[in-house]
Protein backbone atom coordinates (compact mmCIF):
# COMPACT_ATOMS: atom_id res chain seq x y z
CA MET A 1 50.07 -2.58 -27.38
CA LYS A 2 51.29 0.94 -26.53
CA ASP A 3 54.47 1.04 -24.44
CA ILE A 4 53.22 2.40 -21.11
CA CYS A 5 56.78 3.00 -19.89
CA SER A 6 57.18 5.76 -22.49
CA ASP A 7 53.64 7.06 -22.10
CA LYS A 8 53.42 10.83 -22.55
CA ARG A 9 51.05 13.55 -21.43
CA GLU A 10 49.27 15.72 -23.98
CA ASP A 11 52.07 18.32 -23.70
CA GLY A 12 54.70 15.67 -24.49
CA SER A 13 56.12 15.40 -20.95
CA PRO A 14 56.46 11.93 -19.37
CA GLN A 15 53.67 10.58 -17.18
CA GLU A 16 54.50 10.66 -13.49
CA TRP A 17 53.61 7.05 -12.73
CA ALA A 18 55.53 5.17 -10.05
CA ILE A 19 53.86 1.99 -11.29
CA ALA A 20 51.84 1.56 -14.45
CA ALA A 21 50.02 -1.70 -15.19
CA LYS A 22 47.96 -2.30 -18.33
CA GLY A 23 45.89 -5.39 -19.09
CA VAL A 24 47.62 -7.48 -16.40
CA SER A 25 46.17 -10.94 -15.95
CA LYS A 26 47.23 -14.03 -14.05
CA THR A 27 45.76 -17.50 -14.22
CA TYR A 28 47.16 -20.17 -11.93
CA ALA A 29 47.28 -23.57 -13.61
CA ALA A 30 45.03 -26.37 -12.43
CA SER A 31 46.42 -29.04 -10.12
CA LYS A 32 45.18 -32.36 -8.81
CA LYS A 33 43.68 -30.60 -5.80
CA ALA A 34 42.30 -27.42 -7.39
CA PRO A 35 41.02 -26.19 -10.76
CA ALA A 36 42.64 -23.34 -12.68
CA LYS A 37 42.12 -19.98 -11.00
CA GLU A 38 42.02 -16.57 -12.67
CA ALA A 39 43.50 -14.31 -9.98
CA LEU A 40 43.74 -11.13 -12.09
CA LYS A 41 41.44 -10.37 -15.02
CA GLY A 42 43.36 -7.92 -17.19
CA ILE A 43 43.55 -5.06 -14.72
CA ASP A 44 44.71 -1.50 -15.38
CA LEU A 45 46.31 0.25 -12.42
CA PHE A 46 48.34 3.46 -12.30
CA VAL A 47 50.12 4.65 -9.14
CA PRO A 48 51.11 8.36 -9.10
CA ARG A 49 54.64 9.15 -8.02
CA GLY A 50 54.93 10.57 -4.52
CA SER A 51 51.55 9.24 -3.40
CA ILE A 52 50.48 7.01 -0.52
CA PHE A 53 48.42 4.56 -2.54
CA GLY A 54 45.95 2.25 -0.81
CA LEU A 55 45.40 -1.10 -2.53
CA LEU A 56 42.37 -2.62 -0.83
CA GLY A 57 40.24 -5.70 -1.32
CA PRO A 58 38.82 -8.80 0.43
CA ASN A 59 40.95 -11.88 0.99
CA GLY A 60 41.61 -13.62 -2.31
CA ALA A 61 40.81 -10.52 -4.38
CA GLY A 62 44.18 -10.54 -6.17
CA LYS A 63 46.20 -7.98 -4.19
CA SER A 64 49.03 -10.30 -3.22
CA THR A 65 49.22 -11.73 -6.75
CA PHE A 66 49.67 -8.21 -8.14
CA ILE A 67 52.35 -7.38 -5.56
CA ASN A 68 54.18 -10.64 -6.26
CA ILE A 69 54.16 -9.81 -9.99
CA LEU A 70 55.79 -6.46 -9.18
CA ALA A 71 58.38 -8.18 -6.99
CA GLY A 72 59.18 -10.80 -9.63
CA MET A 73 57.85 -13.66 -7.51
CA VAL A 74 54.96 -14.45 -9.87
CA THR A 75 54.97 -14.41 -13.66
CA LYS A 76 51.97 -12.61 -15.17
CA SER A 77 49.94 -14.35 -17.86
CA SER A 78 49.57 -11.21 -19.99
CA GLY A 79 49.79 -7.44 -19.92
CA GLU A 80 52.42 -4.78 -19.32
CA VAL A 81 53.94 -3.52 -16.07
CA CYS A 82 56.26 -0.55 -15.72
CA ILE A 83 58.03 0.25 -12.41
CA TRP A 84 59.66 3.67 -12.12
CA GLY A 85 60.03 3.80 -15.90
CA PHE A 86 61.39 0.26 -16.31
CA ASP A 87 59.47 -2.52 -18.03
CA ILE A 88 59.58 -5.60 -15.78
CA ASP A 89 60.10 -7.87 -18.82
CA LYS A 90 62.74 -5.80 -20.62
CA ASN A 91 64.58 -4.42 -17.58
CA PRO A 92 63.76 -6.77 -14.69
CA ARG A 93 66.78 -5.93 -12.52
CA GLN A 94 66.25 -2.16 -12.68
CA ALA A 95 62.51 -2.58 -12.09
CA ARG A 96 62.99 -4.76 -9.00
CA ALA A 97 65.70 -2.45 -7.64
CA ALA A 98 63.16 0.40 -7.71
CA ILE A 99 60.90 -1.24 -5.12
CA GLY A 100 61.19 -2.48 -1.58
CA VAL A 101 58.58 -5.03 -0.51
CA VAL A 102 57.50 -5.65 3.07
CA PRO A 103 55.77 -9.06 2.93
CA GLN A 104 52.71 -10.04 4.92
CA GLU A 105 54.41 -13.10 6.38
CA LEU A 106 56.97 -12.73 9.16
CA SER A 107 59.96 -14.25 7.33
CA THR A 108 63.12 -13.43 9.26
CA ASP A 109 66.67 -14.77 9.57
CA VAL A 110 66.50 -15.93 13.20
CA PHE A 111 70.23 -16.71 13.48
CA PHE A 112 71.34 -13.19 12.54
CA THR A 113 71.12 -9.91 14.40
CA PRO A 114 69.03 -7.06 12.91
CA LYS A 115 72.21 -5.22 11.92
CA GLU A 116 73.63 -8.33 10.22
CA SER A 117 70.30 -8.91 8.43
CA LEU A 118 70.37 -5.39 6.99
CA GLU A 119 74.02 -5.69 5.97
CA ILE A 120 73.32 -8.98 4.15
CA GLN A 121 70.25 -7.53 2.44
CA ALA A 122 72.23 -4.46 1.33
CA GLY A 123 74.93 -6.74 -0.05
CA LEU A 124 72.36 -8.68 -2.09
CA TYR A 125 71.27 -5.40 -3.67
CA GLY A 126 74.89 -4.45 -4.41
CA VAL A 127 74.97 -1.48 -2.05
CA PRO A 128 78.64 -0.54 -1.39
CA LYS A 129 79.68 -0.73 2.29
CA ALA A 130 80.45 3.00 2.36
CA GLU A 131 76.84 3.77 1.33
CA ARG A 132 75.02 1.42 3.70
CA ARG A 133 72.74 3.01 6.32
CA SER A 134 71.99 0.03 8.56
CA MET A 135 72.19 1.81 11.93
CA GLU A 136 70.39 4.87 10.61
CA ILE A 137 67.49 2.72 9.40
CA LEU A 138 67.34 0.71 12.64
CA GLN A 139 67.29 3.93 14.65
CA ALA A 140 64.47 5.37 12.52
CA LEU A 141 62.37 2.25 13.21
CA GLY A 142 63.09 2.08 16.93
CA LEU A 143 65.38 -0.96 16.69
CA GLU A 144 68.72 0.66 17.48
CA ASP A 145 68.94 -0.94 20.94
CA LYS A 146 68.26 -4.36 19.38
CA ALA A 147 70.86 -4.03 16.63
CA ASP A 148 73.09 -6.77 18.08
CA ALA A 149 70.39 -9.03 19.53
CA TYR A 150 69.41 -12.21 17.72
CA VAL A 151 66.27 -11.82 15.61
CA ARG A 152 64.70 -14.82 17.34
CA GLN A 153 64.70 -12.76 20.56
CA LEU A 154 62.58 -9.97 19.02
CA SER A 155 58.86 -9.57 19.58
CA GLY A 156 56.39 -9.91 16.72
CA GLY A 157 56.10 -6.14 16.38
CA MET A 158 59.88 -5.73 16.26
CA LYS A 159 60.18 -8.42 13.59
CA ARG A 160 57.54 -6.56 11.56
CA ARG A 161 59.57 -3.35 11.79
CA LEU A 162 62.72 -5.27 10.82
CA LEU A 163 61.00 -6.33 7.60
CA VAL A 164 60.34 -2.66 6.83
CA ALA A 165 64.00 -1.89 7.55
CA LYS A 166 65.20 -4.65 5.19
CA ALA A 167 63.00 -3.28 2.41
CA MET A 168 64.66 0.13 2.75
CA VAL A 169 68.36 -0.85 2.63
CA HIS A 170 68.78 -0.02 -1.07
CA ASN A 171 66.89 3.29 -0.76
CA PRO A 172 64.11 2.37 -3.24
CA PRO A 173 61.81 5.12 -4.60
CA ILE A 174 58.80 2.81 -4.05
CA LEU A 175 57.96 0.98 -0.83
CA ILE A 176 55.24 -1.69 -0.85
CA LEU A 177 53.72 -2.52 2.53
CA ASP A 178 51.61 -5.69 2.55
CA GLU A 179 49.61 -5.69 5.81
CA PRO A 180 52.50 -4.06 7.72
CA THR A 181 50.64 -3.53 11.01
CA ALA A 182 49.17 -7.03 11.40
CA GLY A 183 49.91 -8.14 14.95
CA VAL A 184 51.49 -4.81 15.93
CA ASP A 185 50.26 -3.01 19.06
CA ILE A 186 48.76 0.49 18.89
CA GLU A 187 51.87 2.41 19.99
CA LEU A 188 54.21 0.59 17.58
CA ARG A 189 51.65 1.01 14.82
CA LYS A 190 51.63 4.73 15.41
CA GLN A 191 55.44 4.88 15.31
CA LEU A 192 55.52 2.86 12.09
CA TRP A 193 53.03 5.15 10.36
CA GLU A 194 54.92 8.25 11.48
CA HIS A 195 58.02 6.86 9.80
CA VAL A 196 56.09 5.89 6.66
CA VAL A 197 54.61 9.40 6.39
CA ASP A 198 58.09 10.88 6.87
CA LEU A 199 59.42 8.67 4.05
CA ASN A 200 56.59 9.86 1.82
CA ARG A 201 57.41 13.50 2.59
CA ARG A 202 60.94 12.77 1.39
CA GLY A 203 59.59 11.57 -1.95
CA VAL A 204 59.09 7.82 -1.47
CA THR A 205 55.96 6.43 -3.09
CA ILE A 206 54.11 4.17 -0.64
CA ILE A 207 51.78 1.35 -1.71
CA LEU A 208 49.77 0.00 1.20
CA THR A 209 47.53 -3.03 1.52
CA THR A 210 45.64 -3.29 4.79
CA HIS A 211 42.43 -4.58 6.31
CA TYR A 212 42.45 -1.67 8.77
CA LEU A 213 40.34 0.64 6.64
CA GLU A 214 40.59 3.50 9.13
CA GLU A 215 44.36 3.48 8.53
CA ALA A 216 43.91 3.64 4.78
CA GLU A 217 41.39 6.47 5.11
CA GLU A 218 43.72 8.48 7.32
CA LEU A 219 46.99 7.88 5.46
CA CYS A 220 46.26 7.37 1.78
CA ASP A 221 45.67 10.07 -0.81
CA HIS A 222 44.64 7.60 -3.53
CA ILE A 223 42.57 4.43 -3.14
CA ALA A 224 42.13 1.42 -5.44
CA ILE A 225 39.78 -1.46 -4.61
CA ILE A 226 40.20 -4.91 -6.15
CA ASN A 227 37.46 -7.54 -6.03
CA HIS A 228 37.53 -10.97 -7.71
CA GLY A 229 40.57 -10.00 -9.80
CA ASP A 230 39.05 -6.77 -11.15
CA VAL A 231 39.82 -3.16 -10.21
CA VAL A 232 36.38 -1.82 -9.25
CA THR A 233 37.65 1.71 -8.55
CA SER A 234 40.88 3.69 -8.48
CA ARG A 235 40.44 7.34 -7.52
CA PRO A 236 41.80 10.08 -5.26
CA LYS A 237 40.56 9.50 -1.72
CA SER A 238 38.63 12.76 -1.49
CA GLU A 239 36.84 12.03 -4.75
CA LEU A 240 36.04 8.46 -3.70
CA LEU A 241 34.64 9.48 -0.30
CA GLY A 242 32.46 12.08 -1.98
CA SER A 243 31.07 9.57 -4.47
CA LEU A 244 28.86 7.66 -2.01
CA ASP A 245 25.49 9.39 -1.91
CA MET A 246 24.59 8.23 1.57
CA LYS A 247 24.36 9.73 5.05
CA THR A 248 22.90 8.60 8.33
CA LEU A 249 20.95 10.73 10.79
CA MET A 250 21.47 9.52 14.36
CA VAL A 251 18.54 10.41 16.63
CA VAL A 252 18.35 10.07 20.42
CA PRO A 253 14.63 9.97 21.36
CA ASP A 254 13.48 11.80 24.47
CA ASN A 255 11.64 8.64 25.52
CA PRO A 256 12.72 5.04 24.76
CA LEU A 257 11.12 3.43 21.69
CA ASP A 258 9.58 -0.03 21.87
CA ALA A 259 9.81 -0.69 18.14
CA VAL A 260 11.14 0.77 14.91
CA PRO A 261 8.77 3.56 13.84
CA ASP A 262 7.40 3.81 10.31
CA LEU A 263 9.34 6.67 8.75
CA SER A 264 8.75 5.72 5.11
CA PRO A 265 10.06 6.52 2.60
CA PHE A 266 13.16 6.59 4.81
CA SER A 267 14.87 3.46 6.14
CA ALA A 268 15.13 3.39 9.94
CA GLU A 269 16.98 1.09 12.34
CA LEU A 270 16.66 1.00 16.12
CA LYS A 271 19.89 0.11 17.94
CA GLU A 272 20.14 -1.71 21.27
CA ASP A 273 21.26 1.50 22.98
CA GLY A 274 17.94 3.12 22.00
CA ARG A 275 19.33 5.31 19.25
CA LEU A 276 17.46 5.57 15.98
CA TYR A 277 19.49 5.55 12.76
CA VAL A 278 17.87 6.88 9.58
CA THR A 279 19.73 6.39 6.29
CA TYR A 280 19.08 8.78 3.41
CA LYS A 281 20.52 10.12 0.16
CA PRO A 282 21.53 13.81 0.37
CA SER A 283 20.89 14.21 -3.36
CA GLU A 284 17.23 13.23 -2.87
CA SER A 285 16.29 14.26 0.66
CA ARG A 286 17.01 16.85 3.31
CA VAL A 287 17.41 16.48 7.06
CA GLY A 288 14.34 18.66 7.48
CA ASP A 289 12.24 16.09 5.60
CA ILE A 290 13.37 13.35 7.99
CA LEU A 291 12.69 15.47 11.06
CA ALA A 292 9.21 16.18 9.73
CA ARG A 293 8.49 12.43 9.45
CA ILE A 294 9.92 11.85 12.95
CA ASN A 295 7.62 14.57 14.28
CA GLU A 296 4.63 13.03 12.46
CA ALA A 297 5.47 9.71 14.13
CA GLY A 298 5.13 11.42 17.51
CA ILE A 299 8.78 11.08 18.48
CA ARG A 300 10.35 13.86 20.56
CA VAL A 301 14.04 14.36 19.79
CA LYS A 302 16.53 14.74 22.66
CA ASP A 303 19.65 14.92 20.48
CA LEU A 304 20.73 14.24 16.90
CA SER A 305 23.79 14.21 14.68
CA THR A 306 24.72 13.19 11.16
CA VAL A 307 27.15 10.39 10.36
CA GLU A 308 29.13 10.79 7.13
CA ALA A 309 29.86 7.84 4.89
CA ASP A 310 33.42 6.58 5.37
CA LEU A 311 35.80 4.33 3.48
CA GLU A 312 34.36 1.23 5.15
CA ASP A 313 30.91 2.02 3.76
CA ILE A 314 32.32 2.43 0.25
CA PHE A 315 34.46 -0.70 0.55
CA LEU A 316 31.53 -2.83 1.66
CA GLN A 317 29.28 -1.46 -1.06
CA MET A 318 31.83 -2.11 -3.83
CA THR A 319 32.84 -5.59 -2.66
CA TYR A 320 30.43 -7.56 -0.50
CA GLY A 321 27.47 -5.39 -1.52
CA ALA A 322 28.25 -5.88 -5.20
CA ASP A 323 28.63 -9.64 -4.61
CA ARG A 324 25.22 -9.80 -2.95
CA ILE A 325 23.56 -7.92 -5.82
CA ALA A 326 25.24 -10.23 -8.34
CA GLN A 327 24.05 -13.30 -6.43
CA GLU A 328 20.49 -11.98 -6.24
CA ARG A 329 20.52 -11.19 -9.95
CA ALA A 330 21.86 -14.65 -10.80
CA ALA A 331 19.17 -16.26 -8.62
CA GLN A 332 16.46 -14.20 -10.32
CA GLU A 333 17.75 -15.15 -13.77
CA LYS A 334 17.74 -18.80 -12.71
CA VAL A 335 14.09 -18.53 -11.57
CA THR A 336 13.13 -16.78 -14.82
CA THR A 337 14.86 -19.46 -16.91
CA ALA A 338 13.13 -22.21 -14.94
CA LYS A 339 9.72 -20.64 -15.60
CA VAL A 340 10.40 -20.42 -19.33
């Protein structure tokens, strides 16, 4: 297998990957309670340096397994992983020192103060006392006034921010945020993202997993979606959003409709608020064609607007939509086999 840590561009310069993963698989061994589970199926994933990289997927898709492999918490079954130019098998200490991981679970040292927690964490990473930035980090995350309070006295949102602070003590070039805003109120979430964006401007590569797709759409410049242990897409956000050939025309009728009108060949849906939603493909139809059918149906239009496809539409199509299609295909094959 080609060494991805020394991968070169066509002009001979090194590839600018913060993380490069090739053929990474992980199968958890069977136990008395559960059969063997293939969590990752030989995935390829490349994270550009300096990006805010969204790693999305349903629960159980394999995101946490991949992050735990990067952090050294899980041993991969096969494949290569390179972090900031260091192979995790050949140079594990350097590779792990290049990342800071903010876990999904709220694991905190309740008998220490936030300042003490950061000092201990910095010591574990071998950061000299003269180079530690504990108060600076706490101030940046809005925890300066809680520096000497016991962690057990902090709110859930404050504990979440403390986890981010602990991941930053050794000044890593890569910061991995695993559901960082779970349980955080809107104002604190906004403050956290402002700090994350500021870190990115200063050159830190951010890898984000979240179920808040509107956050990923707003913050990330590159999106990867994992489903059932496979990477179904990994593309720049603008390219991904432009790939879904679907729009919706929202129509407000002048008079309330009693039922969904026949607008074939277009698909129409009547909402409870009386608005009519017509889904169409811009590559095949024009808004004028839809308006003509609405006019033929005798509907007078009071107002209308178009709704663009967003990241949620793409996510649903590539995960749950793909699952539904696969299930329908499997059911059809089963019926066909039964007939034969």
